[in-house]
Structure formats: C-alpha cells, structure tokens
C-alpha cells in the first residue's frame, strides 16, 4: 500500500498531502504486525508476550476493539494459569506437611507420652534410612535436651 501511495504522489504531483495517507498506511501496517505477533504468541500460549504486544498496539491505537478483546482474553487466561500454578504449589506444600505429620506423628505421640526410648528407637530407624533427615535429627536433639528423658549413662571408662 505504501508503494501505491508513493506512486500516487508521482502520478499526481499536486495531490493534497499524500503524507497523511502514508502515515495512515504505515500505522495500519504496524497494527497488523503487532496484532499478528500477538496472535502468534497466543497460539504458543505465551501470555506475557501476547499481553506485551497487545499493550504496545493499544498504546498507539487505543480504540482497537479486536486488540482490546484479545488483551482481555490473554489477561484472563494468564490469571487463571497463575492461580492454578499457585494452587498446585500450595497443594504440594500441604501434601508434604501431611506426609511429615504422618511420618513423624507416632514419634511425636511417643514423646508426648514420655516414651522417649521408643521415640529414639524409631528416630534412629528413620535416620538410618534417611541420614540427612533434619526433622528426625531435630526431634532426637529435642529428646536429648528434655530433662524428663531418662537416659542410661554409660559406665565411666577407667
């Protein structure tokens, strides 16, 4: 279209202000490129990229209804996906906390009941399976530091 406008200016030298038409055609061309880039991003499910492209387009052409609708759609989908990711992360954290409670629950019950020897035996077994288990090691330390825990002392060496 720009070539046709340039030809028009050459064919009709007195044509009133071909620059207005050139500016309009260049604007339409930029709009098409940005909108097409946004559509490609939508097809790739690249929501941040699509949103960026559409916001750029709307900065220049704020009343572009297609771009407004596509931007709204992209923002809505991105918000849903972000919420799903956050919910999945929370579910993983809750599952891990539940697993920890299930794994250490019997030991905690033994500690509360004062069955320190049994708790230490279970914690030793857990630490033998997973030597770096911080929660189990922390419970062992807690029991050792508990004044009520009756530990037998080894006889003094001579």
N, C-alpha and C. Protein backbone atom coordinates (compact mmCIF):
# COMPACT_ATOMS: atom_id res chain seq x y z
N UNK A 1 0.82 -1.18 0.00
CA UNK A 1 0.00 0.00 0.00
C UNK A 1 0.87 1.26 0.00
N UNK A 2 2.00 1.20 0.72
CA UNK A 2 2.90 2.35 0.74
C UNK A 2 3.45 2.65 -0.65
N UNK A 3 3.72 1.61 -1.41
CA UNK A 3 4.22 1.80 -2.78
C UNK A 3 3.16 2.48 -3.63
N UNK A 4 1.90 2.12 -3.42
CA UNK A 4 0.81 2.74 -4.18
C UNK A 4 0.67 4.23 -3.84
N UNK A 5 0.86 4.55 -2.58
CA UNK A 5 0.78 5.97 -2.17
C UNK A 5 1.94 6.75 -2.78
N UNK A 6 3.13 6.15 -2.79
CA UNK A 6 4.28 6.81 -3.41
C UNK A 6 4.03 7.01 -4.90
N UNK A 7 3.43 6.02 -5.55
CA UNK A 7 3.13 6.13 -6.98
C UNK A 7 2.09 7.21 -7.22
N UNK A 8 1.12 7.31 -6.32
CA UNK A 8 0.09 8.34 -6.44
C UNK A 8 0.71 9.73 -6.39
N UNK A 9 1.65 9.91 -5.48
CA UNK A 9 2.33 11.21 -5.37
C UNK A 9 3.11 11.51 -6.64
N UNK A 10 3.68 10.48 -7.26
CA UNK A 10 4.42 10.67 -8.51
C UNK A 10 3.51 10.95 -9.68
N UNK A 11 2.33 10.29 -9.70
CA UNK A 11 1.39 10.47 -10.81
C UNK A 11 0.64 11.79 -10.72
N UNK A 12 0.34 12.18 -9.51
CA UNK A 12 -0.40 13.43 -9.31
C UNK A 12 0.38 14.32 -8.36
N UNK A 13 1.35 15.06 -8.89
CA UNK A 13 2.19 15.88 -8.03
C UNK A 13 1.42 16.87 -7.16
N UNK A 14 0.29 17.29 -7.56
CA UNK A 14 -0.48 18.25 -6.77
C UNK A 14 -1.45 17.58 -5.81
N UNK A 15 -1.37 16.26 -5.68
CA UNK A 15 -2.31 15.54 -4.80
C UNK A 15 -2.18 16.10 -3.39
N UNK A 16 -3.31 16.43 -2.76
CA UNK A 16 -3.24 17.07 -1.45
C UNK A 16 -2.71 16.12 -0.37
N UNK A 17 -1.58 16.47 0.15
CA UNK A 17 -0.93 15.84 1.31
C UNK A 17 -0.92 14.31 1.30
N UNK A 18 -0.11 13.69 0.44
CA UNK A 18 -0.01 12.22 0.44
C UNK A 18 0.61 11.70 1.74
N UNK A 19 1.27 12.57 2.51
CA UNK A 19 1.89 12.14 3.77
C UNK A 19 0.84 11.64 4.77
N UNK A 20 -0.32 12.25 4.76
CA UNK A 20 -1.41 11.80 5.65
C UNK A 20 -1.77 10.36 5.33
N UNK A 21 -1.87 10.05 4.06
CA UNK A 21 -2.21 8.68 3.64
C UNK A 21 -1.06 7.73 3.95
N UNK A 22 0.17 8.20 3.76
CA UNK A 22 1.34 7.38 4.06
C UNK A 22 1.37 7.06 5.57
N UNK A 23 1.15 8.06 6.39
CA UNK A 23 1.13 7.85 7.85
C UNK A 23 0.03 6.86 8.24
N UNK A 24 -1.15 7.02 7.62
CA UNK A 24 -2.26 6.11 7.91
C UNK A 24 -1.88 4.68 7.52
N UNK A 25 -1.30 4.51 6.32
CA UNK A 25 -0.93 3.18 5.83
C UNK A 25 0.17 2.57 6.71
N UNK A 26 1.13 3.37 7.12
CA UNK A 26 2.19 2.86 7.99
C UNK A 26 1.61 2.43 9.34
N UNK A 27 0.67 3.22 9.85
CA UNK A 27 0.01 2.86 11.11
C UNK A 27 -0.75 1.55 10.99
N UNK A 28 -1.44 1.36 9.88
CA UNK A 28 -2.17 0.10 9.66
C UNK A 28 -1.20 -1.08 9.56
N UNK A 29 -0.07 -0.83 8.91
CA UNK A 29 0.93 -1.88 8.76
C UNK A 29 1.51 -2.27 10.13
N UNK A 30 1.84 -1.27 10.96
CA UNK A 30 2.35 -1.54 12.31
C UNK A 30 1.30 -2.29 13.14
N UNK A 31 0.05 -1.86 13.02
CA UNK A 31 -1.03 -2.52 13.76
C UNK A 31 -1.12 -3.99 13.38
N UNK A 32 -1.08 -4.25 12.07
CA UNK A 32 -1.18 -5.63 11.59
C UNK A 32 0.00 -6.46 12.10
N UNK A 33 1.20 -5.92 12.05
CA UNK A 33 2.38 -6.65 12.52
C UNK A 33 2.27 -6.97 14.01
N UNK A 34 1.87 -5.97 14.80
CA UNK A 34 1.75 -6.19 16.25
C UNK A 34 0.62 -7.17 16.57
N UNK A 35 -0.50 -7.02 15.89
CA UNK A 35 -1.62 -7.91 16.15
C UNK A 35 -1.27 -9.34 15.74
N UNK A 36 -0.62 -9.50 14.58
CA UNK A 36 -0.19 -10.83 14.14
C UNK A 36 0.81 -11.43 15.13
N UNK A 37 1.73 -10.61 15.64
CA UNK A 37 2.70 -11.11 16.63
C UNK A 37 1.97 -11.55 17.90
N UNK A 38 0.96 -10.79 18.31
CA UNK A 38 0.17 -11.15 19.49
C UNK A 38 -0.59 -12.45 19.25
N UNK A 39 -1.15 -12.62 18.07
CA UNK A 39 -1.87 -13.86 17.75
C UNK A 39 -0.92 -15.06 17.77
N UNK A 40 0.27 -14.88 17.24
CA UNK A 40 1.25 -15.97 17.27
C UNK A 40 1.61 -16.32 18.71
N UNK A 41 1.77 -15.31 19.55
CA UNK A 41 2.07 -15.56 20.97
C UNK A 41 0.91 -16.30 21.64
N UNK A 42 -0.31 -15.93 21.30
CA UNK A 42 -1.49 -16.61 21.85
C UNK A 42 -1.49 -18.07 21.42
N UNK A 43 -1.18 -18.33 20.17
CA UNK A 43 -1.14 -19.71 19.67
C UNK A 43 -0.07 -20.53 20.37
N UNK A 44 1.02 -19.89 20.78
CA UNK A 44 2.10 -20.58 21.50
C UNK A 44 1.83 -20.63 23.01
N UNK A 45 0.73 -20.04 23.44
CA UNK A 45 0.36 -19.93 24.85
C UNK A 45 1.43 -19.15 25.61
N UNK A 46 1.97 -18.13 24.96
CA UNK A 46 2.96 -17.24 25.57
C UNK A 46 2.23 -15.97 26.00
N UNK A 47 1.49 -16.07 27.10
CA UNK A 47 0.60 -14.99 27.52
C UNK A 47 1.34 -13.69 27.82
N UNK A 48 2.46 -13.69 28.54
CA UNK A 48 3.14 -12.42 28.80
C UNK A 48 3.56 -11.71 27.50
N UNK A 49 4.03 -12.48 26.54
CA UNK A 49 4.43 -11.90 25.26
C UNK A 49 3.22 -11.34 24.51
N UNK A 50 2.13 -12.08 24.50
CA UNK A 50 0.91 -11.61 23.83
C UNK A 50 0.40 -10.33 24.48
N UNK A 51 0.41 -10.31 25.79
CA UNK A 51 -0.06 -9.12 26.52
C UNK A 51 0.83 -7.92 26.21
N UNK A 52 2.13 -8.15 26.21
CA UNK A 52 3.07 -7.06 25.90
C UNK A 52 2.81 -6.51 24.49
N UNK A 53 2.66 -7.41 23.51
CA UNK A 53 2.40 -6.98 22.12
C UNK A 53 1.09 -6.20 22.01
N UNK A 54 0.07 -6.69 22.68
CA UNK A 54 -1.24 -6.02 22.60
C UNK A 54 -1.22 -4.67 23.31
N UNK A 55 -0.55 -4.59 24.44
CA UNK A 55 -0.45 -3.30 25.13
C UNK A 55 0.31 -2.29 24.28
N UNK A 56 1.33 -2.76 23.59
CA UNK A 56 2.08 -1.89 22.68
C UNK A 56 1.17 -1.40 21.55
N UNK A 57 0.40 -2.29 20.99
CA UNK A 57 -0.53 -1.92 19.92
C UNK A 57 -1.55 -0.91 20.43
N UNK A 58 -2.10 -1.17 21.62
CA UNK A 58 -3.15 -0.29 22.15
C UNK A 58 -2.60 1.06 22.60
N UNK A 59 -1.31 1.14 22.85
CA UNK A 59 -0.72 2.44 23.17
C UNK A 59 -0.80 3.36 21.95
N UNK A 60 -0.72 2.76 20.79
CA UNK A 60 -0.79 3.54 19.55
C UNK A 60 -2.22 3.66 19.03
N UNK A 61 -2.99 2.58 19.18
CA UNK A 61 -4.37 2.57 18.66
C UNK A 61 -5.29 2.14 19.80
N UNK A 62 -5.60 3.05 20.73
CA UNK A 62 -6.35 2.67 21.94
C UNK A 62 -7.77 2.17 21.69
N UNK A 63 -8.36 2.50 20.56
CA UNK A 63 -9.74 2.09 20.32
C UNK A 63 -9.85 0.85 19.42
N UNK A 64 -8.79 0.08 19.33
CA UNK A 64 -8.79 -1.14 18.50
C UNK A 64 -9.55 -2.23 19.26
N UNK A 65 -10.78 -2.46 18.86
CA UNK A 65 -11.65 -3.40 19.59
C UNK A 65 -11.12 -4.82 19.57
N UNK A 66 -10.58 -5.25 18.45
CA UNK A 66 -10.03 -6.62 18.38
C UNK A 66 -8.89 -6.78 19.37
N UNK A 67 -8.02 -5.79 19.42
CA UNK A 67 -6.87 -5.86 20.32
C UNK A 67 -7.32 -5.81 21.78
N UNK A 68 -8.30 -4.98 22.08
CA UNK A 68 -8.83 -4.90 23.45
C UNK A 68 -9.41 -6.25 23.86
N UNK A 69 -10.20 -6.86 22.98
CA UNK A 69 -10.81 -8.15 23.29
C UNK A 69 -9.75 -9.24 23.47
N UNK A 70 -8.76 -9.26 22.60
CA UNK A 70 -7.71 -10.27 22.71
C UNK A 70 -6.87 -10.04 23.96
N UNK A 71 -6.61 -8.78 24.30
CA UNK A 71 -5.86 -8.47 25.53
C UNK A 71 -6.63 -8.95 26.75
N UNK A 72 -7.92 -8.68 26.80
CA UNK A 72 -8.75 -9.13 27.91
C UNK A 72 -8.70 -10.65 28.03
N UNK A 73 -8.82 -11.33 26.90
CA UNK A 73 -8.77 -12.79 26.88
C UNK A 73 -7.42 -13.30 27.39
N UNK A 74 -6.33 -12.73 26.88
CA UNK A 74 -4.98 -13.16 27.28
C UNK A 74 -4.76 -12.93 28.77
N UNK A 75 -5.18 -11.78 29.28
CA UNK A 75 -5.02 -11.48 30.70
C UNK A 75 -5.84 -12.44 31.56
N UNK A 76 -7.04 -12.75 31.12
CA UNK A 76 -7.90 -13.67 31.89
C UNK A 76 -7.29 -15.07 31.93
N UNK A 77 -6.82 -15.55 30.79
CA UNK A 77 -6.21 -16.89 30.75
C UNK A 77 -4.95 -16.91 31.59
N UNK A 78 -4.12 -15.88 31.48
CA UNK A 78 -2.89 -15.83 32.27
C UNK A 78 -3.21 -15.84 33.77
N UNK A 79 -4.23 -15.10 34.18
CA UNK A 79 -4.61 -15.06 35.59
C UNK A 79 -5.06 -16.44 36.07
N UNK A 80 -5.83 -17.13 35.25
CA UNK A 80 -6.28 -18.49 35.60
C UNK A 80 -5.08 -19.42 35.74
N UNK A 81 -4.16 -19.36 34.79
CA UNK A 81 -2.99 -20.24 34.84
C UNK A 81 -2.11 -19.92 36.04
N UNK A 82 -1.93 -18.65 36.36
CA UNK A 82 -1.14 -18.28 37.53
C UNK A 82 -1.79 -18.80 38.81
N UNK A 83 -3.12 -18.69 38.87
CA UNK A 83 -3.84 -19.19 40.05
C UNK A 83 -3.68 -20.71 40.15
N UNK A 84 -3.76 -21.41 39.01
CA UNK A 84 -3.61 -22.86 39.03
C UNK A 84 -2.21 -23.26 39.48
N UNK A 85 -1.20 -22.54 39.03
CA UNK A 85 0.18 -22.83 39.45
C UNK A 85 0.32 -22.61 40.95
N UNK A 86 -0.24 -21.50 41.45
CA UNK A 86 -0.17 -21.21 42.89
C UNK A 86 -0.91 -22.28 43.70
N UNK A 87 -2.07 -22.69 43.21
CA UNK A 87 -2.85 -23.72 43.92
C UNK A 87 -2.11 -25.05 43.92
N UNK A 88 -1.45 -25.38 42.81
CA UNK A 88 -0.69 -26.63 42.74
C UNK A 88 0.49 -26.58 43.70
N UNK A 89 1.16 -25.44 43.79
CA UNK A 89 2.29 -25.31 44.72
C UNK A 89 1.80 -25.44 46.15
N UNK A 90 0.67 -24.83 46.46
CA UNK A 90 0.11 -24.93 47.80
C UNK A 90 -0.28 -26.37 48.11
N UNK A 91 -0.87 -27.06 47.15
CA UNK A 91 -1.25 -28.46 47.35
C UNK A 91 -0.03 -29.33 47.60
N UNK A 92 1.08 -29.05 46.87
CA UNK A 92 2.31 -29.81 47.11
C UNK A 92 2.84 -29.56 48.52
N UNK A 93 2.80 -28.29 48.97
CA UNK A 93 3.27 -27.97 50.31
C UNK A 93 2.40 -28.65 51.37
N UNK A 94 1.10 -28.63 51.16
CA UNK A 94 0.20 -29.27 52.11
C UNK A 94 0.41 -30.77 52.13
N UNK A 95 0.64 -31.37 50.97
CA UNK A 95 0.89 -32.82 50.91
C UNK A 95 2.19 -33.16 51.62
N UNK A 96 3.21 -32.33 51.44
CA UNK A 96 4.49 -32.56 52.13
C UNK A 96 4.32 -32.42 53.64
N UNK A 97 3.58 -31.43 54.07
CA UNK A 97 3.33 -31.26 55.51
C UNK A 97 2.55 -32.45 56.06
N UNK A 98 1.56 -32.92 55.30
CA UNK A 98 0.78 -34.08 55.72
C UNK A 98 1.66 -35.32 55.80
N UNK A 99 2.55 -35.48 54.81
CA UNK A 99 3.47 -36.62 54.81
C UNK A 99 4.39 -36.57 56.02
N UNK A 100 4.87 -35.37 56.35
CA UNK A 100 5.74 -35.23 57.52
C UNK A 100 4.98 -35.58 58.80
N UNK A 101 3.73 -35.10 58.90
CA UNK A 101 2.93 -35.42 60.09
C UNK A 101 2.69 -36.92 60.20
N UNK A 102 2.39 -37.55 59.07
CA UNK A 102 2.13 -38.99 59.09
C UNK A 102 3.40 -39.76 59.44
N UNK A 103 4.52 -39.28 58.92
CA UNK A 103 5.79 -39.97 59.15
C UNK A 103 6.27 -39.79 60.59
N UNK A 104 6.12 -38.58 61.12
CA UNK A 104 6.65 -38.30 62.46
C UNK A 104 5.56 -38.29 63.53
N UNK A 105 4.31 -38.43 63.14
CA UNK A 105 3.21 -38.40 64.10
C UNK A 105 3.36 -39.40 65.23
N UNK A 106 3.64 -40.68 64.92
CA UNK A 106 3.79 -41.66 66.01
C UNK A 106 4.94 -41.29 66.96
N UNK A 107 6.02 -40.77 66.41
CA UNK A 107 7.16 -40.38 67.25
C UNK A 107 6.76 -39.23 68.16
N UNK A 108 6.06 -38.25 67.61
CA UNK A 108 5.62 -37.12 68.42
C UNK A 108 4.68 -37.58 69.53
N UNK A 109 3.81 -38.53 69.22
CA UNK A 109 2.89 -39.07 70.24
C UNK A 109 3.68 -39.77 71.35
N UNK A 110 4.73 -40.50 70.97
CA UNK A 110 5.55 -41.17 71.97
C UNK A 110 6.28 -40.16 72.85
N UNK A 111 6.77 -39.09 72.25
CA UNK A 111 7.46 -38.05 73.03
C UNK A 111 6.48 -37.43 74.01
N UNK A 112 5.27 -37.11 73.56
CA UNK A 112 4.28 -36.51 74.44
C UNK A 112 3.88 -37.47 75.56
N UNK A 113 3.89 -38.76 75.26
CA UNK A 113 3.52 -39.76 76.27
C UNK A 113 4.69 -40.09 77.20
N UNK A 114 5.86 -39.54 76.91
CA UNK A 114 7.03 -39.80 77.75
C UNK A 114 7.75 -41.09 77.40
N UNK A 115 7.40 -41.71 76.28
CA UNK A 115 8.05 -42.95 75.84
C UNK A 115 9.29 -42.58 75.02
N UNK A 116 10.27 -41.99 75.68
CA UNK A 116 11.44 -41.46 74.98
C UNK A 116 12.30 -42.54 74.34
N UNK A 117 12.45 -43.69 75.03
CA UNK A 117 13.26 -44.77 74.46
C UNK A 117 12.66 -45.27 73.14
N UNK A 118 11.34 -45.44 73.12
CA UNK A 118 10.68 -45.89 71.89
C UNK A 118 10.81 -44.83 70.79
N UNK A 119 10.67 -43.58 71.17
CA UNK A 119 10.79 -42.50 70.18
C UNK A 119 12.19 -42.48 69.60
N UNK A 120 13.20 -42.62 70.46
CA UNK A 120 14.60 -42.63 69.98
C UNK A 120 14.83 -43.82 69.06
N UNK A 121 14.27 -44.97 69.40
CA UNK A 121 14.43 -46.16 68.56
C UNK A 121 13.84 -45.91 67.17
N UNK A 122 12.64 -45.33 67.12
CA UNK A 122 12.01 -45.04 65.83
C UNK A 122 12.80 -43.98 65.06
N UNK A 123 13.27 -42.97 65.76
CA UNK A 123 14.04 -41.91 65.09
C UNK A 123 15.36 -42.46 64.56
N UNK A 124 16.00 -43.36 65.32
CA UNK A 124 17.23 -43.99 64.83
C UNK A 124 16.96 -44.76 63.54
N UNK A 125 15.82 -45.46 63.50
CA UNK A 125 15.47 -46.21 62.29
C UNK A 125 15.23 -45.26 61.12
N UNK A 126 14.54 -44.15 61.38
CA UNK A 126 14.30 -43.17 60.32
C UNK A 126 15.62 -42.57 59.82
N UNK A 127 16.52 -42.26 60.75
CA UNK A 127 17.80 -41.67 60.36
C UNK A 127 18.70 -42.68 59.66
N UNK A 128 18.52 -43.96 59.94
CA UNK A 128 19.29 -44.98 59.22
C UNK A 128 18.84 -45.04 57.76
N UNK A 129 17.54 -44.84 57.53
CA UNK A 129 17.01 -44.84 56.16
C UNK A 129 17.37 -43.55 55.42
N UNK A 130 17.23 -42.43 56.12
CA UNK A 130 17.49 -41.11 55.51
C UNK A 130 18.41 -40.34 56.46
N UNK A 131 19.72 -40.51 56.32
CA UNK A 131 20.66 -39.88 57.25
C UNK A 131 20.55 -38.35 57.35
N UNK A 132 20.13 -37.68 56.32
CA UNK A 132 20.05 -36.22 56.35
C UNK A 132 18.70 -35.68 56.77
N UNK A 133 17.85 -36.50 57.36
CA UNK A 133 16.50 -36.08 57.74
C UNK A 133 16.58 -35.07 58.89
N UNK A 134 16.41 -33.81 58.56
CA UNK A 134 16.56 -32.73 59.55
C UNK A 134 15.48 -32.79 60.64
N UNK A 135 14.26 -33.12 60.24
CA UNK A 135 13.18 -33.16 61.22
C UNK A 135 13.43 -34.25 62.26
N UNK A 136 13.85 -35.42 61.79
CA UNK A 136 14.14 -36.52 62.72
C UNK A 136 15.32 -36.16 63.62
N UNK A 137 16.36 -35.57 63.05
CA UNK A 137 17.52 -35.17 63.85
C UNK A 137 17.13 -34.12 64.88
N UNK A 138 16.27 -33.19 64.50
CA UNK A 138 15.82 -32.16 65.44
C UNK A 138 15.04 -32.77 66.59
N UNK A 139 14.23 -33.79 66.30
CA UNK A 139 13.48 -34.47 67.37
C UNK A 139 14.42 -35.22 68.31
N UNK A 140 15.46 -35.84 67.76
CA UNK A 140 16.45 -36.51 68.61
C UNK A 140 17.08 -35.49 69.55
N UNK A 141 17.48 -34.34 69.00
CA UNK A 141 18.08 -33.29 69.82
C UNK A 141 17.10 -32.80 70.88
N UNK A 142 15.84 -32.67 70.50
CA UNK A 142 14.81 -32.22 71.45
C UNK A 142 14.69 -33.21 72.60
N UNK A 143 14.70 -34.50 72.28
CA UNK A 143 14.59 -35.52 73.34
C UNK A 143 15.81 -35.48 74.24
N UNK A 144 16.98 -35.37 73.63
CA UNK A 144 18.22 -35.35 74.42
C UNK A 144 18.22 -34.17 75.38
N UNK A 145 17.68 -33.04 74.96
CA UNK A 145 17.67 -31.84 75.79
C UNK A 145 16.51 -31.80 76.78
N UNK A 146 15.63 -32.78 76.70
CA UNK A 146 14.48 -32.82 77.61
C UNK A 146 14.93 -33.39 78.96
N UNK A 147 14.81 -32.60 80.03
CA UNK A 147 15.25 -33.08 81.35
C UNK A 147 14.49 -34.32 81.81
N UNK A 148 13.26 -34.47 81.38
CA UNK A 148 12.46 -35.61 81.83
C UNK A 148 12.83 -36.91 81.12
N UNK A 149 13.66 -36.84 80.09
CA UNK A 149 14.03 -38.04 79.35
C UNK A 149 15.06 -38.82 80.15
N UNK A 150 14.69 -40.02 80.63
CA UNK A 150 15.60 -40.81 81.48
C UNK A 150 16.56 -41.65 80.61
N UNK A 151 17.74 -41.15 80.42
CA UNK A 151 18.72 -41.90 79.64
C UNK A 151 19.67 -42.61 80.59
N UNK A 152 20.02 -43.82 80.19
CA UNK A 152 21.00 -44.56 80.99
C UNK A 152 22.37 -44.06 80.58
N UNK A 153 23.17 -43.81 81.56
CA UNK A 153 24.52 -43.34 81.26
C UNK A 153 25.44 -44.54 81.14
N UNK A 154 26.32 -44.43 80.20
CA UNK A 154 27.31 -45.49 80.04
C UNK A 154 28.28 -45.43 81.22
N UNK A 155 28.75 -46.58 81.65
CA UNK A 155 29.70 -46.56 82.77
C UNK A 155 30.96 -45.81 82.37
N UNK A 156 31.52 -45.12 83.34
CA UNK A 156 32.73 -44.34 83.09
C UNK A 156 33.88 -45.28 82.76
N UNK A 157 34.68 -44.89 81.82
CA UNK A 157 35.84 -45.71 81.44
C UNK A 157 37.01 -45.39 82.35
N UNK A 158 37.79 -46.40 82.62
CA UNK A 158 38.94 -46.20 83.50
C UNK A 158 40.20 -46.31 82.74
